[in-house]
Each structure stands twice: as structure tokens, then as C-alpha cells.
């Protein structure tokens, strides 16, 4: 297995999330007892989308 580096540094979670979102990726909710929830750092994309613009 060969890995190809696309970053010239170790990316932060925020950088990786922004890159995914820029490529059209959307977080997938996980079914929980409380209902569908986006888990992990990807939940930041949901809260950002729902926050009022300043």
C-alpha cells in the first residue's frame, strides 16, 4: 500500500473538515436513541451552517 501526501504539513481537524466541505462532502448523521446526530468534529459543520451570519 502506498500513501500520497497532499498536505505540506500535518493538517488540523479544521483544515481537513474545510477541505472535505469544499469538495462537496456532507456529514452523515448517525442514528442514536435521541434521533439522527452528526458525531465528532464534523458536527462543527452543522453548527456553523445553523449559526447566524455576522
N, C-alpha and C. Protein backbone atom coordinates (compact mmCIF):
# COMPACT_ATOMS: atom_id res chain seq x y z
N UNK A 1 0.84 -1.17 0.00
CA UNK A 1 0.00 0.00 0.00
C UNK A 1 0.89 1.24 0.00
N UNK A 2 0.57 2.20 -0.85
CA UNK A 2 1.35 3.42 -0.95
C UNK A 2 0.48 4.61 -0.59
N UNK A 3 1.02 5.50 0.22
CA UNK A 3 0.30 6.71 0.60
C UNK A 3 0.84 7.89 -0.19
N UNK A 4 -0.03 8.80 -0.52
CA UNK A 4 0.36 10.01 -1.21
C UNK A 4 0.01 11.19 -0.32
N UNK A 5 1.01 12.00 0.00
CA UNK A 5 0.78 13.16 0.85
C UNK A 5 0.21 14.31 0.03
N UNK A 6 -0.84 14.91 0.51
CA UNK A 6 -1.43 16.06 -0.18
C UNK A 6 -1.29 17.34 0.65
N UNK A 7 -0.73 17.23 1.82
CA UNK A 7 -0.51 18.37 2.69
C UNK A 7 0.99 18.56 2.86
N UNK A 8 1.44 19.80 2.95
CA UNK A 8 2.85 20.05 3.20
C UNK A 8 3.13 20.19 4.69
N UNK A 9 2.08 19.93 5.50
CA UNK A 9 2.18 19.98 6.96
C UNK A 9 1.11 19.04 7.53
N UNK A 10 1.17 18.80 8.82
CA UNK A 10 0.13 18.00 9.44
C UNK A 10 -1.12 18.87 9.57
N UNK A 11 -2.19 18.54 8.82
CA UNK A 11 -3.38 19.40 8.85
C UNK A 11 -4.13 19.30 10.17
N UNK A 12 -4.76 20.40 10.52
CA UNK A 12 -5.61 20.42 11.71
C UNK A 12 -6.96 19.80 11.35
N UNK A 13 -7.72 19.50 12.36
CA UNK A 13 -9.07 18.96 12.11
C UNK A 13 -9.90 19.97 11.32
N UNK A 14 -9.74 21.25 11.63
CA UNK A 14 -10.49 22.29 10.92
C UNK A 14 -10.10 22.34 9.44
N UNK A 15 -8.81 22.22 9.15
CA UNK A 15 -8.35 22.23 7.75
C UNK A 15 -8.90 21.04 6.98
N UNK A 16 -8.88 19.86 7.60
CA UNK A 16 -9.40 18.67 6.92
C UNK A 16 -10.90 18.78 6.68
N UNK A 17 -11.63 19.31 7.66
CA UNK A 17 -13.07 19.47 7.50
C UNK A 17 -13.36 20.47 6.38
N UNK A 18 -12.66 21.60 6.36
CA UNK A 18 -12.87 22.60 5.31
C UNK A 18 -12.58 22.02 3.93
N UNK A 19 -11.52 21.22 3.81
CA UNK A 19 -11.18 20.61 2.52
C UNK A 19 -12.28 19.66 2.07
N UNK A 20 -12.80 18.86 2.99
CA UNK A 20 -13.89 17.94 2.64
C UNK A 20 -15.13 18.70 2.21
N UNK A 21 -15.49 19.72 2.96
CA UNK A 21 -16.68 20.51 2.62
C UNK A 21 -16.52 21.19 1.27
N UNK A 22 -15.31 21.67 0.98
CA UNK A 22 -15.04 22.33 -0.30
C UNK A 22 -15.21 21.38 -1.47
N UNK A 23 -14.98 20.08 -1.24
CA UNK A 23 -15.15 19.08 -2.30
C UNK A 23 -16.59 18.57 -2.38
N UNK A 24 -17.49 19.14 -1.59
CA UNK A 24 -18.89 18.76 -1.66
C UNK A 24 -19.33 17.70 -0.68
N UNK A 25 -18.44 17.29 0.21
CA UNK A 25 -18.78 16.28 1.21
C UNK A 25 -19.77 16.87 2.22
N UNK A 26 -20.69 16.07 2.67
CA UNK A 26 -21.61 16.49 3.73
C UNK A 26 -21.59 15.44 4.84
N UNK A 27 -21.67 15.89 6.10
CA UNK A 27 -21.68 14.95 7.22
C UNK A 27 -22.90 14.05 7.17
N UNK A 28 -22.73 12.80 7.55
CA UNK A 28 -23.82 11.84 7.59
C UNK A 28 -24.25 11.62 9.03
N UNK A 29 -25.52 11.87 9.33
CA UNK A 29 -25.99 11.64 10.71
C UNK A 29 -25.98 10.15 11.06
N UNK A 30 -25.71 9.87 12.31
CA UNK A 30 -25.75 8.53 12.86
C UNK A 30 -27.04 8.37 13.66
N UNK A 31 -27.72 7.26 13.49
CA UNK A 31 -28.95 7.02 14.24
C UNK A 31 -28.59 6.77 15.71
N UNK A 32 -29.17 7.56 16.60
CA UNK A 32 -28.99 7.38 18.04
C UNK A 32 -30.36 7.30 18.70
N UNK A 33 -30.38 7.01 19.97
CA UNK A 33 -31.66 6.96 20.69
C UNK A 33 -32.36 8.31 20.68
N UNK A 34 -31.58 9.38 20.62
CA UNK A 34 -32.15 10.74 20.61
C UNK A 34 -32.52 11.19 19.20
N UNK A 35 -32.25 10.34 18.22
CA UNK A 35 -32.52 10.69 16.83
C UNK A 35 -31.21 10.83 16.07
N UNK A 36 -31.28 11.23 14.79
CA UNK A 36 -30.07 11.34 13.99
C UNK A 36 -29.16 12.47 14.51
N UNK A 37 -27.87 12.15 14.65
CA UNK A 37 -26.90 13.11 15.17
C UNK A 37 -25.61 12.99 14.36
N UNK A 38 -25.04 14.14 13.98
CA UNK A 38 -23.72 14.14 13.37
C UNK A 38 -22.72 14.12 14.50
N UNK A 39 -21.86 13.12 14.50
CA UNK A 39 -20.91 12.93 15.58
C UNK A 39 -19.52 13.46 15.21
N UNK A 40 -18.70 13.65 16.22
CA UNK A 40 -17.31 14.03 16.01
C UNK A 40 -17.14 15.47 15.57
N UNK A 41 -15.96 15.74 15.04
CA UNK A 41 -15.64 17.12 14.63
C UNK A 41 -16.53 17.59 13.49
N UNK A 42 -17.08 16.66 12.71
CA UNK A 42 -17.97 17.04 11.60
C UNK A 42 -19.20 17.78 12.10
N UNK A 43 -19.55 17.62 13.37
CA UNK A 43 -20.70 18.34 13.92
C UNK A 43 -20.48 19.85 13.85
N UNK A 44 -19.23 20.29 13.79
CA UNK A 44 -18.93 21.71 13.65
C UNK A 44 -19.52 22.27 12.36
N UNK A 45 -19.56 21.47 11.31
CA UNK A 45 -20.12 21.91 10.03
C UNK A 45 -21.61 22.16 10.17
N UNK A 46 -22.28 21.37 10.97
CA UNK A 46 -23.72 21.54 11.18
C UNK A 46 -23.99 22.79 12.00
N UNK A 47 -23.25 22.95 13.09
CA UNK A 47 -23.49 24.13 13.96
C UNK A 47 -23.11 25.40 13.22
N UNK A 48 -22.08 25.35 12.37
CA UNK A 48 -21.68 26.53 11.58
C UNK A 48 -22.76 26.89 10.57
N UNK A 49 -23.36 25.89 9.95
CA UNK A 49 -24.40 26.13 8.95
C UNK A 49 -25.66 26.70 9.59
N UNK A 50 -25.90 26.36 10.86
CA UNK A 50 -27.11 26.82 11.55
C UNK A 50 -26.92 28.11 12.32
N UNK A 51 -25.69 28.61 12.39
CA UNK A 51 -25.45 29.84 13.15
C UNK A 51 -25.72 31.06 12.27
N UNK A 52 -26.21 32.15 12.88
CA UNK A 52 -26.49 33.35 12.08
C UNK A 52 -25.21 33.99 11.57
N UNK A 53 -25.28 34.55 10.38
CA UNK A 53 -24.10 35.23 9.81
C UNK A 53 -23.86 36.54 10.53
N UNK A 54 -22.60 36.88 10.68
CA UNK A 54 -22.27 38.14 11.35
C UNK A 54 -21.75 39.15 10.39
